[in-house]
Amino acid sequence: MDQYDLVNRQFGSTAKNYLTSAVHAQGADLQRLTRRVQQQQPNRILDLGCGGGHASYAAAAGAVGQVVAYDLSEEMLGVVKEEATRRGLGNLTTQQGSVDALPFADASFELIVSRYSAHHWMQIEASIAEAARVLAPGGTLIIIDVVAPQTPLYDTVLQTIELLRDASHVRDYRESEWRAMLGAAGLCVDNSDTWKLALNFDAWIKRIGTAPARVAALQTTMGALPKEARDYFSIQADCSFAIDTAWIESSRPAGAVVAGCATTT
């Protein structure tokens, strides 16, 4: 099967796991997103690759405008629609599709967010270009995702364990790669923050339904890592570990563009 089918199969069969996952349902970044929406009050918000919908719920809780939860998986969207109804979020709607061909008009959204999704995008440059296209002038794009370390060894380790755990994984990008890709799409990176995200190994593999052979490969791989890598990822005896996560905020200039950033005209 191709990448789109693989993502659909992986996440369609585990949709409800992502609704109840503590890693996805909790976090200071969700509270930060709600506050940001309350302050900015955008008319339309897009959650790209919404998964279990937690960024959508956080945005809708602070918004007076409309929130569109967008995902490739119909099963995920079914879970989001049901949960939005349960929470009384009447301003949240769902729409199915691929991130590299968005079915929205130019400049449709004042705020776009993507949380723990972009590392699955097959056509990353096209997807970012599409996000930039549907972002209104002066609007904001927020990427919340795992980021790869700049050190090559640690980068390689991260991609290896991610792919062993989940065959639909494409790449966790370095922050420098994100800045370059966003800049190439005509967006200006305004700020970024990083933090460590602790992952319980058993919950991590059960959430996606990792096959036993892959679990064994993960345990063998993580046990054989050099001390530097084990220390960097804080790998424990049960293979629980910690990874780098980032909030990367960029904007579409409302005026002229100089070196990728906005100036008034």
Protein backbone atom coordinates (compact mmCIF):
# COMPACT_ATOMS: atom_id res chain seq x y z
CA MET A 1 0.00 0.00 0.00
CA ASP A 2 1.11 3.58 -0.51
CA GLN A 3 1.84 6.09 2.29
CA TYR A 4 -1.70 7.50 2.34
CA ASP A 5 -3.21 4.03 2.67
CA LEU A 6 -0.70 3.15 5.37
CA VAL A 7 -1.55 6.24 7.42
CA ASN A 8 -5.26 5.55 6.98
CA ARG A 9 -4.89 1.95 8.14
CA GLN A 10 -2.61 2.77 11.07
CA PHE A 11 -4.75 5.54 12.49
CA GLY A 12 -8.18 4.37 11.41
CA SER A 13 -7.87 1.21 13.48
CA THR A 14 -6.51 3.04 16.54
CA ALA A 15 -8.58 6.24 16.40
CA LYS A 16 -10.11 5.96 19.86
CA ASN A 17 -6.69 5.30 21.41
CA TYR A 18 -5.66 8.82 20.42
CA LEU A 19 -8.74 10.37 22.01
CA THR A 20 -7.86 8.83 25.39
CA SER A 21 -4.05 9.06 25.10
CA ALA A 22 -2.67 11.14 27.98
CA VAL A 23 0.21 12.34 25.81
CA HIS A 24 -2.23 13.79 23.26
CA ALA A 25 -5.06 14.86 25.56
CA GLN A 26 -2.89 16.78 28.03
CA GLY A 27 -0.14 19.36 27.88
CA ALA A 28 0.66 22.98 28.60
CA ASP A 29 0.68 23.56 24.83
CA LEU A 30 -3.08 22.91 24.68
CA GLN A 31 -3.71 25.47 27.40
CA ARG A 32 -1.41 27.87 25.57
CA LEU A 33 -3.39 27.32 22.36
CA THR A 34 -6.69 28.09 24.10
CA ARG A 35 -5.24 31.30 25.53
CA ARG A 36 -3.88 32.28 22.13
CA VAL A 37 -7.29 31.83 20.51
CA GLN A 38 -8.99 33.80 23.27
CA GLN A 39 -6.57 36.68 22.73
CA GLN A 40 -6.56 36.64 18.92
CA GLN A 41 -10.22 35.62 18.31
CA PRO A 42 -9.75 34.47 14.70
CA ASN A 43 -12.89 33.98 12.62
CA ARG A 44 -11.76 30.65 11.18
CA ILE A 45 -9.26 28.12 12.55
CA LEU A 46 -7.91 25.02 10.80
CA ASP A 47 -6.46 21.99 12.61
CA LEU A 48 -4.31 20.16 10.07
CA GLY A 49 -4.05 16.42 10.69
CA CYS A 50 -6.29 16.69 13.73
CA GLY A 51 -5.94 13.07 14.87
CA GLY A 52 -7.92 12.64 18.08
CA GLY A 53 -8.89 16.31 17.87
CA HIS A 54 -7.28 17.69 21.01
CA ALA A 55 -5.93 20.83 19.34
CA SER A 56 -9.37 21.35 17.80
CA TYR A 57 -11.08 21.06 21.19
CA ALA A 58 -8.58 23.46 22.76
CA ALA A 59 -9.08 25.99 19.96
CA ALA A 60 -12.86 25.64 19.90
CA ALA A 61 -13.05 26.14 23.68
CA GLY A 62 -11.54 29.61 23.30
CA ALA A 63 -13.04 30.60 19.96
CA VAL A 64 -16.16 32.45 18.91
CA GLY A 65 -15.40 31.61 15.26
CA GLN A 66 -15.40 28.28 13.43
CA VAL A 67 -12.85 25.51 13.90
CA VAL A 68 -12.34 22.95 11.12
CA ALA A 69 -10.80 19.62 12.20
CA TYR A 70 -9.13 18.18 9.08
CA ASP A 71 -7.69 14.69 8.75
CA LEU A 72 -7.01 11.91 6.23
CA SER A 73 -8.75 9.28 8.38
CA GLU A 74 -12.54 9.11 8.31
CA GLU A 75 -12.42 7.01 11.49
CA MET A 76 -10.48 9.74 13.31
CA LEU A 77 -12.96 12.35 12.15
CA GLY A 78 -15.83 10.21 13.40
CA VAL A 79 -14.24 10.14 16.85
CA VAL A 80 -13.69 13.91 16.77
CA LYS A 81 -17.25 14.66 15.67
CA GLU A 82 -18.67 12.48 18.45
CA GLU A 83 -16.40 14.02 21.10
CA ALA A 84 -17.13 17.58 19.94
CA THR A 85 -20.85 16.88 20.35
CA ARG A 86 -20.25 15.42 23.81
CA ARG A 87 -18.33 18.57 24.81
CA GLY A 88 -20.96 20.89 23.34
CA LEU A 89 -18.54 22.44 20.85
CA GLY A 90 -21.00 23.59 18.22
CA ASN A 91 -18.36 25.70 16.46
CA LEU A 92 -16.27 22.63 15.53
CA THR A 93 -16.80 20.89 12.18
CA THR A 94 -14.85 18.09 10.47
CA GLN A 95 -13.59 17.61 6.93
CA GLN A 96 -11.68 14.74 5.33
CA GLY A 97 -8.72 15.11 2.99
CA SER A 98 -4.98 15.16 2.45
CA VAL A 99 -2.81 18.00 3.77
CA ASP A 100 -0.96 18.38 0.48
CA ALA A 101 -4.15 19.31 -1.45
CA LEU A 102 -6.39 21.38 0.81
CA PRO A 103 -9.99 21.89 -0.41
CA PHE A 104 -10.13 25.47 0.84
CA ALA A 105 -9.95 28.84 -0.88
CA ASP A 106 -6.90 31.09 -0.60
CA ALA A 107 -6.62 33.07 2.66
CA SER A 108 -9.46 31.13 4.31
CA PHE A 109 -8.09 30.91 7.87
CA GLU A 110 -6.63 33.40 10.33
CA LEU A 111 -5.09 30.63 12.45
CA ILE A 112 -3.81 27.20 11.44
CA VAL A 113 -2.45 24.66 13.89
CA SER A 114 -0.97 21.21 13.43
CA ARG A 115 -0.16 19.08 16.49
CA TYR A 116 1.76 15.78 16.33
CA SER A 117 0.83 15.23 12.68
CA ALA A 118 3.47 16.70 10.36
CA HIS A 119 5.96 13.86 10.86
CA HIS A 120 3.50 11.67 8.88
CA TRP A 121 3.18 14.02 5.89
CA MET A 122 4.50 12.43 2.70
CA GLN A 123 4.76 15.70 0.75
CA ILE A 124 6.00 18.06 3.46
CA GLU A 125 6.94 21.00 1.23
CA ALA A 126 3.65 20.82 -0.68
CA SER A 127 1.72 20.58 2.59
CA ILE A 128 3.43 23.64 4.05
CA ALA A 129 2.83 25.52 0.79
CA GLU A 130 -0.86 24.61 0.99
CA ALA A 131 -1.04 25.79 4.59
CA ALA A 132 0.58 29.08 3.56
CA ARG A 133 -1.88 29.42 0.67
CA VAL A 134 -5.00 29.08 2.83
CA LEU A 135 -3.57 31.27 5.61
CA ALA A 136 -4.88 34.83 5.57
CA PRO A 137 -2.40 37.74 5.38
CA GLY A 138 -1.34 38.51 8.94
CA GLY A 139 -2.49 35.03 10.00
CA THR A 140 -0.56 32.55 12.13
CA LEU A 141 0.57 28.96 11.54
CA ILE A 142 1.51 26.99 14.67
CA ILE A 143 3.36 23.69 14.36
CA ILE A 144 3.50 21.54 17.50
CA ASP A 145 5.49 18.38 16.89
CA VAL A 146 8.39 16.18 17.86
CA VAL A 147 11.61 17.69 16.53
CA ALA A 148 14.83 15.89 15.69
CA PRO A 149 18.07 16.82 17.45
CA GLN A 150 20.72 18.66 15.45
CA THR A 151 23.33 15.99 16.36
CA PRO A 152 23.36 13.37 13.57
CA LEU A 153 23.62 10.36 15.90
CA TYR A 154 20.61 11.42 17.95
CA ASP A 155 18.66 12.29 14.81
CA THR A 156 19.31 8.81 13.40
CA VAL A 157 18.30 7.14 16.65
CA LEU A 158 15.02 9.07 16.79
CA GLN A 159 14.02 8.27 13.19
CA THR A 160 14.91 4.59 13.69
CA ILE A 161 12.80 4.03 16.77
CA GLU A 162 9.93 6.08 15.35
CA LEU A 163 9.84 3.96 12.17
CA LEU A 164 10.14 0.67 14.06
CA ARG A 165 7.22 1.65 16.24
CA ASP A 166 5.05 3.08 13.42
CA ALA A 167 5.50 2.14 9.75
CA SER A 168 3.66 5.31 8.66
CA HIS A 169 6.35 7.57 10.17
CA VAL A 170 8.10 9.81 7.61
CA ARG A 171 10.43 12.14 9.53
CA ASP A 172 10.74 14.23 12.67
CA TYR A 173 12.33 17.41 11.31
CA ARG A 174 15.05 19.45 12.98
CA GLU A 175 14.03 22.93 14.06
CA SER A 176 16.47 24.32 11.49
CA GLU A 177 14.67 22.30 8.78
CA TRP A 178 11.31 23.68 9.90
CA ARG A 179 12.61 27.23 9.74
CA ALA A 180 13.96 26.66 6.23
CA MET A 181 10.75 25.03 4.96
CA LEU A 182 8.48 27.67 6.44
CA GLY A 183 10.67 30.42 5.03
CA ALA A 184 10.59 28.80 1.59
CA ALA A 185 6.79 28.92 1.74
CA GLY A 186 6.90 32.68 2.38
CA LEU A 187 6.23 32.48 6.11
CA CYS A 188 8.17 34.29 8.81
CA VAL A 189 9.07 32.30 11.93
CA ASP A 190 8.14 34.57 14.82
CA ASN A 191 9.12 32.39 17.77
CA SER A 192 9.72 28.82 18.89
CA ASP A 193 9.93 26.92 22.16
CA THR A 194 11.13 23.39 22.89
CA TRP A 195 10.58 21.01 25.78
CA LYS A 196 11.11 17.36 26.65
CA LEU A 197 8.15 15.00 26.31
CA ALA A 198 8.33 11.86 28.46
CA LEU A 199 6.94 8.70 26.83
CA ASN A 200 5.99 5.52 28.64
CA PHE A 201 7.16 2.70 26.37
CA ASP A 202 4.21 0.34 26.95
CA ALA A 203 1.62 3.08 26.33
CA TRP A 204 3.61 4.33 23.32
CA ILE A 205 3.53 0.97 21.50
CA LYS A 206 -0.01 0.00 22.54
CA ARG A 207 -1.45 3.30 21.27
CA ILE A 208 -0.50 2.51 17.67
CA GLY A 209 -0.68 -1.29 17.96
CA THR A 210 3.00 -2.03 17.22
CA ALA A 211 3.48 -5.66 16.17
CA PRO A 212 5.40 -7.95 18.59
CA ALA A 213 8.33 -8.39 16.19
CA ARG A 214 8.73 -4.63 15.95
CA VAL A 215 8.48 -4.27 19.73
CA ALA A 216 11.30 -6.77 20.11
CA ALA A 217 13.36 -4.86 17.53
CA LEU A 218 12.76 -1.63 19.43
CA GLN A 219 13.87 -3.14 22.71
CA THR A 220 17.00 -4.61 21.11
CA THR A 221 17.84 -1.36 19.33
CA MET A 222 17.33 0.83 22.38
CA GLY A 223 19.33 -1.55 24.57
CA ALA A 224 22.29 -1.46 22.17
CA LEU A 225 22.55 2.33 21.86
CA PRO A 226 25.76 4.09 22.94
CA LYS A 227 25.72 5.81 26.32
CA GLU A 228 25.53 9.27 24.77
CA ALA A 229 22.28 8.42 23.00
CA ARG A 230 20.81 6.64 26.01
CA ASP A 231 21.56 9.67 28.15
CA TYR A 232 20.19 12.15 25.61
CA PHE A 233 16.85 10.34 25.35
CA SER A 234 16.79 9.43 29.07
CA ILE A 235 16.17 5.78 28.20
CA GLN A 236 15.01 3.78 31.22
CA ALA A 237 15.24 0.07 32.01
CA ASP A 238 11.71 -0.48 30.65
CA CYS A 239 12.61 1.48 27.47
CA SER A 240 10.55 4.52 28.45
CA PHE A 241 12.28 7.67 27.16
CA ALA A 242 11.98 11.39 26.43
CA ILE A 243 12.01 13.29 23.15
CA ASP A 244 12.28 16.91 22.03
CA THR A 245 9.02 18.65 21.17
CA ALA A 246 8.54 22.16 19.80
CA TRP A 247 6.00 24.94 19.32
CA ILE A 248 7.03 26.75 16.13
CA GLU A 249 5.00 29.83 15.30
CA SER A 250 5.11 31.53 11.92
CA SER A 251 3.04 34.15 10.16
CA ARG A 252 2.06 35.19 6.68
CA PRO A 253 3.22 38.78 6.19
CA ALA A 254 0.45 41.29 5.74
CA GLY A 255 2.72 43.68 3.83
CA ALA A 256 5.92 43.47 1.82
CA VAL A 257 8.40 40.70 2.55
CA VAL A 258 12.03 41.37 3.34
CA ALA A 259 14.28 38.33 3.98
CA GLY A 260 11.22 36.22 4.83
CA CYS A 261 9.73 38.66 7.36
CA ALA A 262 7.02 41.27 7.17
CA THR A 263 7.44 45.00 6.91
CA THR A 264 4.69 47.59 6.82
CA THR A 265 3.80 49.21 3.51
